[in-house]
Structure formats: C-alpha cells, structure tokens
PDB file of N, CA and C in Angstrom:
ATOM      1  N   MET A   1       0.841  -1.183   0.012  1.00  0.00           N
ATOM      2  CA  MET A   1       0.007  -0.018  -0.009  1.00  0.00           C
ATOM      3  C   MET A   1       0.881   1.251   0.001  1.00  0.00           C
ATOM      4  N   ASN A   2       0.985   1.901  -1.120  1.00  0.00           N
ATOM      5  CA  ASN A   2       1.877   3.029  -1.274  1.00  0.00           C
ATOM      6  C   ASN A   2       1.106   4.302  -1.516  1.00  0.00           C
ATOM      7  N   GLN A   3       0.309   4.683  -0.503  1.00  0.00           N
ATOM      8  CA  GLN A   3      -0.517   5.875  -0.634  1.00  0.00           C
ATOM      9  C   GLN A   3       0.101   7.021   0.202  1.00  0.00           C
ATOM     10  N   THR A   4      -0.090   8.242  -0.312  1.00  0.00           N
ATOM     11  CA  THR A   4       0.339   9.411   0.451  1.00  0.00           C
ATOM     12  C   THR A   4      -0.889  10.232   0.735  1.00  0.00           C
ATOM     13  N   THR A   5      -0.866  10.864   1.887  1.00  0.00           N
ATOM     14  CA  THR A   5      -2.004  11.715   2.290  1.00  0.00           C
ATOM     15  C   THR A   5      -1.947  13.029   1.510  1.00  0.00           C
ATOM     16  N   PRO A   6      -3.070  13.459   0.930  1.00  0.00           N
ATOM     17  CA  PRO A   6      -3.061  14.712   0.205  1.00  0.00           C
ATOM     18  C   PRO A   6      -2.647  15.866   1.140  1.00  0.00           C
ATOM     19  N   LEU A   7      -1.980  16.843   0.584  1.00  0.00           N
ATOM     20  CA  LEU A   7      -1.437  17.977   1.335  1.00  0.00           C
ATOM     21  C   LEU A   7      -2.572  18.743   2.061  1.00  0.00           C
ATOM     22  N   SER A   8      -3.706  18.889   1.427  1.00  0.00           N
ATOM     23  CA  SER A   8      -4.797  19.603   2.038  1.00  0.00           C
ATOM     24  C   SER A   8      -5.330  18.836   3.253  1.00  0.00           C
ATOM     25  N   ASN A   9      -5.350  17.529   3.224  1.00  0.00           N
ATOM     26  CA  ASN A   9      -5.766  16.751   4.394  1.00  0.00           C
ATOM     27  C   ASN A   9      -4.782  16.843   5.524  1.00  0.00           C
ATOM     28  N   VAL A  10      -3.514  16.852   5.191  1.00  0.00           N
ATOM     29  CA  VAL A  10      -2.451  17.000   6.196  1.00  0.00           C
ATOM     30  C   VAL A  10      -2.627  18.338   6.910  1.00  0.00           C
ATOM     31  N   TYR A  11      -2.877  19.386   6.145  1.00  0.00           N
ATOM     32  CA  TYR A  11      -3.072  20.715   6.726  1.00  0.00           C
ATOM     33  C   TYR A  11      -4.292  20.719   7.663  1.00  0.00           C
ATOM     34  N   VAL A  12      -5.427  20.197   7.283  1.00  0.00           N
ATOM     35  CA  VAL A  12      -6.620  20.181   8.089  1.00  0.00           C
ATOM     36  C   VAL A  12      -6.424  19.392   9.388  1.00  0.00           C
ATOM     37  N   ILE A  13      -5.814  18.208   9.286  1.00  0.00           N
ATOM     38  CA  ILE A  13      -5.591  17.377  10.462  1.00  0.00           C
ATOM     39  C   ILE A  13      -4.614  18.069  11.400  1.00  0.00           C
ATOM     40  N   LEU A  14      -3.545  18.647  10.875  1.00  0.00           N
ATOM     41  CA  LEU A  14      -2.554  19.314  11.682  1.00  0.00           C
ATOM     42  C   LEU A  14      -3.155  20.496  12.414  1.00  0.00           C
ATOM     43  N   ASN A  15      -3.997  21.285  11.717  1.00  0.00           N
ATOM     44  CA  ASN A  15      -4.620  22.450  12.328  1.00  0.00           C
ATOM     45  C   ASN A  15      -5.539  22.019  13.500  1.00  0.00           C
ATOM     46  N   LYS A  16      -6.334  20.982  13.281  1.00  0.00           N
ATOM     47  CA  LYS A  16      -7.272  20.517  14.322  1.00  0.00           C
ATOM     48  C   LYS A  16      -6.522  19.978  15.560  1.00  0.00           C
ATOM     49  N   VAL A  17      -5.503  19.205  15.329  1.00  0.00           N
ATOM     50  CA  VAL A  17      -4.771  18.620  16.452  1.00  0.00           C
ATOM     51  C   VAL A  17      -3.993  19.689  17.222  1.00  0.00           C
ATOM     52  N   LEU A  18      -3.341  20.626  16.503  1.00  0.00           N
ATOM     53  CA  LEU A  18      -2.644  21.711  17.185  1.00  0.00           C
ATOM     54  C   LEU A  18      -3.574  22.550  18.030  1.00  0.00           C
ATOM     55  N   ASN A  19      -4.755  22.821  17.526  1.00  0.00           N
ATOM     56  CA  ASN A  19      -5.752  23.605  18.275  1.00  0.00           C
ATOM     57  C   ASN A  19      -6.155  22.875  19.540  1.00  0.00           C
ATOM     58  N   THR A  20      -6.396  21.559  19.438  1.00  0.00           N
ATOM     59  CA  THR A  20      -6.756  20.778  20.599  1.00  0.00           C
ATOM     60  C   THR A  20      -5.642  20.764  21.662  1.00  0.00           C
ATOM     61  N   LEU A  21      -4.391  20.575  21.188  1.00  0.00           N
ATOM     62  CA  LEU A  21      -3.265  20.505  22.103  1.00  0.00           C
ATOM     63  C   LEU A  21      -3.051  21.847  22.810  1.00  0.00           C
ATOM     64  N   ILE A  22      -3.158  22.951  22.092  1.00  0.00           N
ATOM     65  CA  ILE A  22      -2.962  24.272  22.688  1.00  0.00           C
ATOM     66  C   ILE A  22      -4.031  24.543  23.756  1.00  0.00           C
ATOM     67  N   ARG A  23      -5.267  24.225  23.424  1.00  0.00           N
ATOM     68  CA  ARG A  23      -6.339  24.479  24.390  1.00  0.00           C
ATOM     69  C   ARG A  23      -6.220  23.609  25.626  1.00  0.00           C
ATOM     70  N   ARG A  24      -5.782  22.385  25.476  1.00  0.00           N
ATOM     71  CA  ARG A  24      -5.568  21.525  26.662  1.00  0.00           C
ATOM     72  C   ARG A  24      -4.408  22.006  27.528  1.00  0.00           C
ATOM     73  N   LYS A  25      -3.360  22.467  26.900  1.00  0.00           N
ATOM     74  CA  LYS A  25      -2.129  22.836  27.649  1.00  0.00           C
ATOM     75  C   LYS A  25      -2.199  24.230  28.245  1.00  0.00           C
ATOM     76  N   PHE A  26      -2.717  25.216  27.454  1.00  0.00           N
ATOM     77  CA  PHE A  26      -2.668  26.615  27.871  1.00  0.00           C
ATOM     78  C   PHE A  26      -4.010  27.230  28.206  1.00  0.00           C
ATOM     79  N   GLY A  27      -5.103  26.539  27.926  1.00  0.00           N
ATOM     80  CA  GLY A  27      -6.413  27.070  28.265  1.00  0.00           C
ATOM     81  C   GLY A  27      -7.295  27.291  27.047  1.00  0.00           C
ATOM     82  N   GLU A  28      -8.600  27.408  27.314  1.00  0.00           N
ATOM     83  CA  GLU A  28      -9.604  27.573  26.247  1.00  0.00           C
ATOM     84  C   GLU A  28      -9.569  28.947  25.593  1.00  0.00           C
ATOM     85  N   GLN A  29      -8.857  29.927  26.174  1.00  0.00           N
ATOM     86  CA  GLN A  29      -8.822  31.265  25.580  1.00  0.00           C
ATOM     87  C   GLN A  29      -7.965  31.338  24.325  1.00  0.00           C
ATOM     88  N   TYR A  30      -7.197  30.303  24.052  1.00  0.00           N
ATOM     89  CA  TYR A  30      -6.266  30.287  22.893  1.00  0.00           C
ATOM     90  C   TYR A  30      -6.768  29.429  21.776  1.00  0.00           C
ATOM     91  N   SER A  31      -6.532  29.856  20.589  1.00  0.00           N
ATOM     92  CA  SER A  31      -6.741  29.013  19.402  1.00  0.00           C
ATOM     93  C   SER A  31      -5.639  29.383  18.373  1.00  0.00           C
ATOM     94  N   VAL A  32      -5.233  28.385  17.593  1.00  0.00           N
ATOM     95  CA  VAL A  32      -4.182  28.620  16.614  1.00  0.00           C
ATOM     96  C   VAL A  32      -4.689  28.225  15.229  1.00  0.00           C
ATOM     97  N   ARG A  33      -4.058  28.826  14.236  1.00  0.00           N
ATOM     98  CA  ARG A  33      -4.383  28.537  12.833  1.00  0.00           C
ATOM     99  C   ARG A  33      -3.113  28.644  12.030  1.00  0.00           C
ATOM    100  N   LEU A  34      -2.794  27.578  11.335  1.00  0.00           N
ATOM    101  CA  LEU A  34      -1.653  27.593  10.395  1.00  0.00           C
ATOM    102  C   LEU A  34      -1.975  28.467   9.196  1.00  0.00           C
ATOM    103  N   ASN A  35      -0.984  29.122   8.671  1.00  0.00           N
ATOM    104  CA  ASN A  35      -1.149  29.879   7.455  1.00  0.00           C
ATOM    105  C   ASN A  35      -1.093  28.894   6.295  1.00  0.00           C
ATOM    106  N   SER A  36      -2.218  28.680   5.617  1.00  0.00           N
ATOM    107  CA  SER A  36      -2.294  27.644   4.598  1.00  0.00           C
ATOM    108  C   SER A  36      -1.386  27.925   3.435  1.00  0.00           C
ATOM    109  N   LEU A  37      -1.228  29.150   3.015  1.00  0.00           N
ATOM    110  CA  LEU A  37      -0.366  29.478   1.858  1.00  0.00           C
ATOM    111  C   LEU A  37       1.065  29.170   2.180  1.00  0.00           C
ATOM    112  N   CYS A  38       1.530  29.489   3.362  1.00  0.00           N
ATOM    113  CA  CYS A  38       2.899  29.251   3.783  1.00  0.00           C
ATOM    114  C   CYS A  38       3.114  27.695   3.920  1.00  0.00           C
ATOM    115  N   PHE A  39       2.173  27.032   4.496  1.00  0.00           N
ATOM    116  CA  PHE A  39       2.273  25.582   4.706  1.00  0.00           C
ATOM    117  C   PHE A  39       2.424  24.838   3.367  1.00  0.00           C
ATOM    118  N   ILE A  40       1.583  25.188   2.434  1.00  0.00           N
ATOM    119  CA  ILE A  40       1.624  24.536   1.114  1.00  0.00           C
ATOM    120  C   ILE A  40       2.867  24.936   0.339  1.00  0.00           C
ATOM    121  N   ALA A  41       3.259  26.167   0.398  1.00  0.00           N
ATOM    122  CA  ALA A  41       4.445  26.624  -0.306  1.00  0.00           C
ATOM    123  C   ALA A  41       5.701  25.920   0.219  1.00  0.00           C
ATOM    124  N   ASN A  42       5.749  25.640   1.538  1.00  0.00           N
ATOM    125  CA  ASN A  42       6.926  24.974   2.096  1.00  0.00           C
ATOM    126  C   ASN A  42       7.036  23.524   1.666  1.00  0.00           C
ATOM    127  N   ARG A  43       5.936  22.958   1.159  1.00  0.00           N
ATOM    128  CA  ARG A  43       5.963  21.555   0.809  1.00  0.00           C
ATOM    129  C   ARG A  43       5.838  21.249  -0.695  1.00  0.00           C
ATOM    130  N   THR A  44       5.773  22.283  -1.497  1.00  0.00           N
ATOM    131  CA  THR A  44       5.794  22.071  -2.952  1.00  0.00           C
ATOM    132  C   THR A  44       7.147  22.582  -3.455  1.00  0.00           C
ATOM    133  N   ASP A  45       7.722  21.844  -4.374  1.00  0.00           N
ATOM    134  CA  ASP A  45       9.054  22.165  -4.959  1.00  0.00           C
ATOM    135  C   ASP A  45      10.060  22.262  -3.780  1.00  0.00           C
ATOM    136  N   VAL A  46      10.133  21.208  -2.984  1.00  0.00           N
ATOM    137  CA  VAL A  46      10.960  21.215  -1.797  1.00  0.00           C
ATOM    138  C   VAL A  46      12.429  20.960  -2.124  1.00  0.00           C
ATOM    139  N   CYS A  47      13.276  21.843  -1.599  1.00  0.00           N
ATOM    140  CA  CYS A  47      14.707  21.599  -1.637  1.00  0.00           C
ATOM    141  C   CYS A  47      15.121  21.132  -0.260  1.00  0.00           C
ATOM    142  N   ARG A  48      15.768  20.009  -0.116  1.00  0.00           N
ATOM    143  CA  ARG A  48      16.046  19.408   1.199  1.00  0.00           C
ATOM    144  C   ARG A  48      17.057  20.216   2.041  1.00  0.00           C
ATOM    145  N   PHE A  49      17.701  21.218   1.487  1.00  0.00           N
ATOM    146  CA  PHE A  49      18.677  21.993   2.250  1.00  0.00           C
ATOM    147  C   PHE A  49      18.102  23.348   2.689  1.00  0.00           C
ATOM    148  N   GLN A  50      16.835  23.489   2.600  1.00  0.00           N
ATOM    149  CA  GLN A  50      16.166  24.725   2.907  1.00  0.00           C
ATOM    150  C   GLN A  50      15.681  24.693   4.390  1.00  0.00           C
ATOM    151  N   TYR A  51      15.622  25.854   5.019  1.00  0.00           N
ATOM    152  CA  TYR A  51      15.052  25.986   6.374  1.00  0.00           C
ATOM    153  C   TYR A  51      13.620  26.387   6.251  1.00  0.00           C
ATOM    154  N   PHE A  52      12.737  25.727   6.989  1.00  0.00           N
ATOM    155  CA  PHE A  52      11.308  25.982   6.873  1.00  0.00           C
ATOM    156  C   PHE A  52      10.776  26.699   8.074  1.00  0.00           C
ATOM    157  N   THR A  53      10.077  27.788   7.814  1.00  0.00           N
ATOM    158  CA  THR A  53       9.420  28.564   8.879  1.00  0.00           C
ATOM    159  C   THR A  53       7.945  28.554   8.586  1.00  0.00           C
ATOM    160  N   GLU A  54       7.159  28.132   9.574  1.00  0.00           N
ATOM    161  CA  GLU A  54       5.730  28.120   9.443  1.00  0.00           C
ATOM    162  C   GLU A  54       5.165  29.374  10.121  1.00  0.00           C
ATOM    163  N   LYS A  55       4.120  29.942   9.523  1.00  0.00           N
ATOM    164  CA  LYS A  55       3.415  31.079  10.131  1.00  0.00           C
ATOM    165  C   LYS A  55       2.151  30.572  10.800  1.00  0.00           C
ATOM    166  N   ILE A  56       1.988  30.933  12.097  1.00  0.00           N
ATOM    167  CA  ILE A  56       0.824  30.460  12.831  1.00  0.00           C
ATOM    168  C   ILE A  56       0.165  31.682  13.503  1.00  0.00           C
ATOM    169  N   GLY A  57      -1.129  31.792  13.307  1.00  0.00           N
ATOM    170  CA  GLY A  57      -1.894  32.887  13.962  1.00  0.00           C
ATOM    171  C   GLY A  57      -2.367  32.355  15.343  1.00  0.00           C
ATOM    172  N   LEU A  58      -2.144  33.164  16.372  1.00  0.00           N
ATOM    173  CA  LEU A  58      -2.588  32.862  17.713  1.00  0.00           C
ATOM    174  C   LEU A  58      -3.679  33.801  18.104  1.00  0.00           C
ATOM    175  N   LYS A  59      -4.886  33.274  18.296  1.00  0.00           N
ATOM    176  CA  LYS A  59      -6.021  34.085  18.675  1.00  0.00           C
ATOM    177  C   LYS A  59      -6.233  33.904  20.164  1.00  0.00           C
ATOM    178  N   THR A  60      -6.361  35.030  20.885  1.00  0.00           N
ATOM    179  CA  THR A  60      -6.482  34.948  22.302  1.00  0.00           C
ATOM    180  C   THR A  60      -7.447  36.024  22.818  1.00  0.00           C
ATOM    181  N   LYS A  61      -8.089  35.739  23.951  1.00  0.00           N
ATOM    182  CA  LYS A  61      -9.033  36.675  24.538  1.00  0.00           C
ATOM    183  C   LYS A  61      -8.395  37.534  25.607  1.00  0.00           C
ATOM    184  N   LYS A  62      -7.160  37.267  25.949  1.00  0.00           N
ATOM    185  CA  LYS A  62      -6.463  38.063  26.974  1.00  0.00           C
ATOM    186  C   LYS A  62      -5.036  38.361  26.534  1.00  0.00           C
ATOM    187  N   PRO A  63      -4.412  39.377  27.149  1.00  0.00           N
ATOM    188  CA  PRO A  63      -3.035  39.670  26.777  1.00  0.00           C
ATOM    189  C   PRO A  63      -2.091  38.489  27.059  1.00  0.00           C
ATOM    190  N   VAL A  64      -1.062  38.375  26.243  1.00  0.00           N
ATOM    191  CA  VAL A  64      -0.091  37.287  26.386  1.00  0.00           C
ATOM    192  C   VAL A  64       1.254  37.885  26.803  1.00  0.00           C
ATOM    193  N   THR A  65       1.875  37.297  27.811  1.00  0.00           N
ATOM    194  CA  THR A  65       3.221  37.719  28.178  1.00  0.00           C
ATOM    195  C   THR A  65       4.234  37.150  27.239  1.00  0.00           C
ATOM    196  N   PHE A  66       5.404  37.764  27.222  1.00  0.00           N
ATOM    197  CA  PHE A  66       6.472  37.277  26.347  1.00  0.00           C
ATOM    198  C   PHE A  66       6.898  35.854  26.770  1.00  0.00           C
ATOM    199  N   TYR A  67       6.957  35.612  28.053  1.00  0.00           N
ATOM    200  CA  TYR A  67       7.326  34.285  28.535  1.00  0.00           C
ATOM    201  C   TYR A  67       6.308  33.228  28.063  1.00  0.00           C
ATOM    202  N   GLU A  68       5.006  33.555  28.173  1.00  0.00           N
ATOM    203  CA  GLU A  68       3.983  32.612  27.737  1.00  0.00           C
ATOM    204  C   GLU A  68       4.059  32.403  26.215  1.00  0.00           C
ATOM    205  N   LEU A  69       4.323  33.468  25.492  1.00  0.00           N
ATOM    206  CA  LEU A  69       4.434  33.405  24.019  1.00  0.00           C
ATOM    207  C   LEU A  69       5.600  32.439  23.654  1.00  0.00           C
ATOM    208  N   ASN A  70       6.731  32.560  24.337  1.00  0.00           N
ATOM    209  CA  ASN A  70       7.824  31.652  24.047  1.00  0.00           C
ATOM    210  C   ASN A  70       7.518  30.220  24.377  1.00  0.00           C
ATOM    211  N   LEU A  71       6.783  29.970  25.467  1.00  0.00           N
ATOM    212  CA  LEU A  71       6.352  28.625  25.807  1.00  0.00           C
ATOM    213  C   LEU A  71       5.428  28.060  24.702  1.00  0.00           C
ATOM    214  N   ILE A  72       4.495  28.873  24.263  1.00  0.00           N
ATOM    215  CA  ILE A  72       3.572  28.435  23.182  1.00  0.00           C
ATOM    216  C   ILE A  72       4.342  28.151  21.925  1.00  0.00           C
ATOM    217  N   LYS A  73       5.285  29.004  21.568  1.00  0.00           N
ATOM    218  CA  LYS A  73       6.077  28.812  20.368  1.00  0.00           C
ATOM    219  C   LYS A  73       6.893  27.500  20.389  1.00  0.00           C
ATOM    220  N   GLU A  74       7.563  27.264  21.503  1.00  0.00           N
ATOM    221  CA  GLU A  74       8.338  26.030  21.653  1.00  0.00           C
ATOM    222  C   GLU A  74       7.419  24.794  21.633  1.00  0.00           C
ATOM    223  N   PHE A  75       6.288  24.895  22.290  1.00  0.00           N
ATOM    224  CA  PHE A  75       5.328  23.809  22.319  1.00  0.00           C
ATOM    225  C   PHE A  75       4.819  23.493  20.911  1.00  0.00           C
ATOM    226  N   LEU A  76       4.513  24.544  20.153  1.00  0.00           N
ATOM    227  CA  LEU A  76       4.052  24.354  18.756  1.00  0.00           C
ATOM    228  C   LEU A  76       5.105  23.799  17.878  1.00  0.00           C
ATOM    229  N   LEU A  77       6.329  24.234  18.013  1.00  0.00           N
ATOM    230  CA  LEU A  77       7.433  23.762  17.173  1.00  0.00           C
ATOM    231  C   LEU A  77       7.696  22.250  17.420  1.00  0.00           C
ATOM    232  N   PHE A  78       7.704  21.844  18.655  1.00  0.00           N
ATOM    233  CA  PHE A  78       7.867  20.440  18.954  1.00  0.00           C
ATOM    234  C   PHE A  78       6.752  19.592  18.429  1.00  0.00           C
ATOM    235  N   ASN A  79       5.525  20.029  18.669  1.00  0.00           N
ATOM    236  CA  ASN A  79       4.348  19.240  18.272  1.00  0.00           C
ATOM    237  C   ASN A  79       4.105  19.216  16.800  1.00  0.00           C
ATOM    238  N   ILE A  80       4.389  20.303  16.104  1.00  0.00           N
ATOM    239  CA  ILE A  80       4.166  20.329  14.667  1.00  0.00           C
ATOM    240  C   ILE A  80       5.132  19.322  13.995  1.00  0.00           C
ATOM    241  N   ASN A  81       6.345  19.213  14.442  1.00  0.00           N
ATOM    242  CA  ASN A  81       7.286  18.261  13.876  1.00  0.00           C
ATOM    243  C   ASN A  81       6.874  16.834  14.226  1.00  0.00           C
ATOM    244  N   SER A  82       6.440  16.598  15.462  1.00  0.00           N
ATOM    245  CA  SER A  82       6.006  15.272  15.869  1.00  0.00           C
ATOM    246  C   SER A  82       4.800  14.836  15.078  1.00  0.00           C
ATOM    247  N   LEU A  83       3.854  15.767  14.869  1.00  0.00           N
ATOM    248  CA  LEU A  83       2.650  15.394  14.170  1.00  0.00           C
ATOM    249  C   LEU A  83       2.906  15.144  12.653  1.00  0.00           C
ATOM    250  N   LEU A  84       3.776  15.946  12.080  1.00  0.00           N
ATOM    251  CA  LEU A  84       4.079  15.766  10.653  1.00  0.00           C
ATOM    252  C   LEU A  84       4.714  14.408  10.390  1.00  0.00           C
ATOM    253  N   ILE A  85       5.527  13.946  11.338  1.00  0.00           N
ATOM    254  CA  ILE A  85       6.124  12.614  11.166  1.00  0.00           C
ATOM    255  C   ILE A  85       5.020  11.544  11.198  1.00  0.00           C
ATOM    256  N   CYS A  86       4.052  11.722  12.065  1.00  0.00           N
ATOM    257  CA  CYS A  86       2.997  10.715  12.203  1.00  0.00           C
ATOM    258  C   CYS A  86       1.992  10.773  11.004  1.00  0.00           C
ATOM    259  N   ILE A  87       1.636  11.986  10.592  1.00  0.00           N
ATOM    260  CA  ILE A  87       0.603  12.147   9.567  1.00  0.00           C
ATOM    261  C   ILE A  87       1.151  11.881   8.170  1.00  0.00           C
ATOM    262  N   ASP A  88       2.297  12.403   7.876  1.00  0.00           N
ATOM    263  CA  ASP A  88       2.822  12.262   6.497  1.00  0.00           C
ATOM    264  C   ASP A  88       4.331  11.980   6.549  1.00  0.00           C
ATOM    265  N   SER A  89       4.663  10.793   7.013  1.00  0.00           N
ATOM    266  CA  SER A  89       6.100  10.467   7.180  1.00  0.00           C
ATOM    267  C   SER A  89       6.872  10.374   5.884  1.00  0.00           C
ATOM    268  N   LYS A  90       6.181  10.020   4.800  1.00  0.00           N
ATOM    269  CA  LYS A  90       6.876   9.827   3.526  1.00  0.00           C
ATOM    270  C   LYS A  90       7.365  11.211   2.989  1.00  0.00           C
ATOM    271  N   ASN A  91       6.613  12.274   3.214  1.00  0.00           N
ATOM    272  CA  ASN A  91       6.986  13.589   2.685  1.00  0.00           C
ATOM    273  C   ASN A  91       7.376  14.516   3.821  1.00  0.00           C
ATOM    274  N   TYR A  92       7.904  13.979   4.954  1.00  0.00           N
ATOM    275  CA  TYR A  92       8.221  14.814   6.086  1.00  0.00           C
ATOM    276  C   TYR A  92       9.329  15.804   5.771  1.00  0.00           C
ATOM    277  N   VAL A  93       9.106  17.063   6.162  1.00  0.00           N
ATOM    278  CA  VAL A  93      10.098  18.121   6.080  1.00  0.00           C
ATOM    279  C   VAL A  93      10.098  18.810   7.441  1.00  0.00           C
ATOM    280  N   GLU A  94      11.242  18.862   8.080  1.00  0.00           N
ATOM    281  CA  GLU A  94      11.332  19.445   9.446  1.00  0.00           C
ATOM    282  C   GLU A  94      11.072  20.934   9.418  1.00  0.00           C
ATOM    283  N   VAL A  95      10.235  21.396  10.331  1.00  0.00           N
ATOM    284  CA  VAL A  95       9.996  22.818  10.553  1.00  0.00           C
ATOM    285  C   VAL A  95      11.035  23.308  11.519  1.00  0.00           C
ATOM    286  N   THR A  96      11.854  24.297  11.145  1.00  0.00           N
ATOM    287  CA  THR A  96      12.926  24.757  11.985  1.00  0.00           C
ATOM    288  C   THR A  96      12.574  25.961  12.819  1.00  0.00           C
ATOM    289  N   ASN A  97      11.550  26.710  12.412  1.00  0.00           N
ATOM    290  CA  ASN A  97      11.141  27.919  13.137  1.00  0.00           C
ATOM    291  C   ASN A  97       9.674  28.152  12.905  1.00  0.00           C
ATOM    292  N   ILE A  98       9.070  28.856  13.882  1.00  0.00           N
ATOM    293  CA  ILE A  98       7.663  29.227  13.822  1.00  0.00           C
ATOM    294  C   ILE A  98       7.555  30.718  14.032  1.00  0.00           C
ATOM    295  N   GLU A  99       6.843  31.364  13.138  1.00  0.00           N
ATOM    296  CA  GLU A  99       6.502  32.780  13.337  1.00  0.00           C
ATOM    297  C   GLU A  99       5.099  32.881  13.853  1.00  0.00           C
ATOM    298  N   VAL A 100       4.939  33.364  15.091  1.00  0.00           N
ATOM    299  CA  VAL A 100       3.620  33.450  15.734  1.00  0.00           C
ATOM    300  C   VAL A 100       3.103  34.853  15.581  1.00  0.00           C
ATOM    301  N   VAL A 101       1.898  35.010  15.030  1.00  0.00           N
ATOM    302  CA  VAL A 101       1.272  36.292  14.858  1.00  0.00           C
ATOM    303  C   VAL A 101       0.044  36.314  15.783  1.00  0.00           C
ATOM    304  N   ILE A 102       0.001  37.303  16.677  1.00  0.00           N
ATOM    305  CA  ILE A 102      -1.113  37.372  17.610  1.00  0.00           C
ATOM    306  C   ILE A 102      -2.258  38.113  16.925  1.00  0.00           C
ATOM    307  N   ILE A 103      -3.428  37.504  16.900  1.00  0.00           N
ATOM    308  CA  ILE A 103      -4.598  38.081  16.269  1.00  0.00           C
ATOM    309  C   ILE A 103      -5.462  38.740  17.313  1.00  0.00           C
TER     310      ILE A 103
END
C-alpha cells in the first residue's frame, strides 16, 4: 500500500490537532491557525537543504506575556514536527522555526 495523504488533508488534520493541544495545555482562551499558503508553499518544490518557517496565527481573549508566548512557540514547534512525522512520514520536512502572529 503506497498511498500518500493529500497535502490539504495534512493541513486540516494538523490544524485541528494543534488547536486541541494548545487548548488543553494553555487554556480555552487560545486557538491557533496555520497559514495555509505558507504551509503549502513549504511543501511544494521542496529543496532538502532549505530551512522551513511556518506562520501560525494565535487568537487569544487576553493579553499574552512574552514568557507565555515563548512557551507556546516552543510547544508548537515540537508538536508540529512530531505530528508531521505521524501524519505524513513519507513527505516529512522538518519545521525549523515558527513565526507566531497574535490576532
């Protein structure tokens, strides 16, 4: 069985799981959303020597401290790489950095 998961499905699954993990770890006031254009651009015409930065929007109902923002960023970086290995191991590309935009 040599099937690969379509990129759009990987994006949807990754978005849902990251949202669930963030809400469980940091509270219900947070939600995250991957930038779909950046995500897809990072995975099409891939050069293996490139560094990948994902853009993630962080929606919150309260102010975020710099310390908390760093914790969220590190948490997302670890989990996004772990999830990508599980969801789409055949086309796995390591994310080296995350740009968090507070909405």
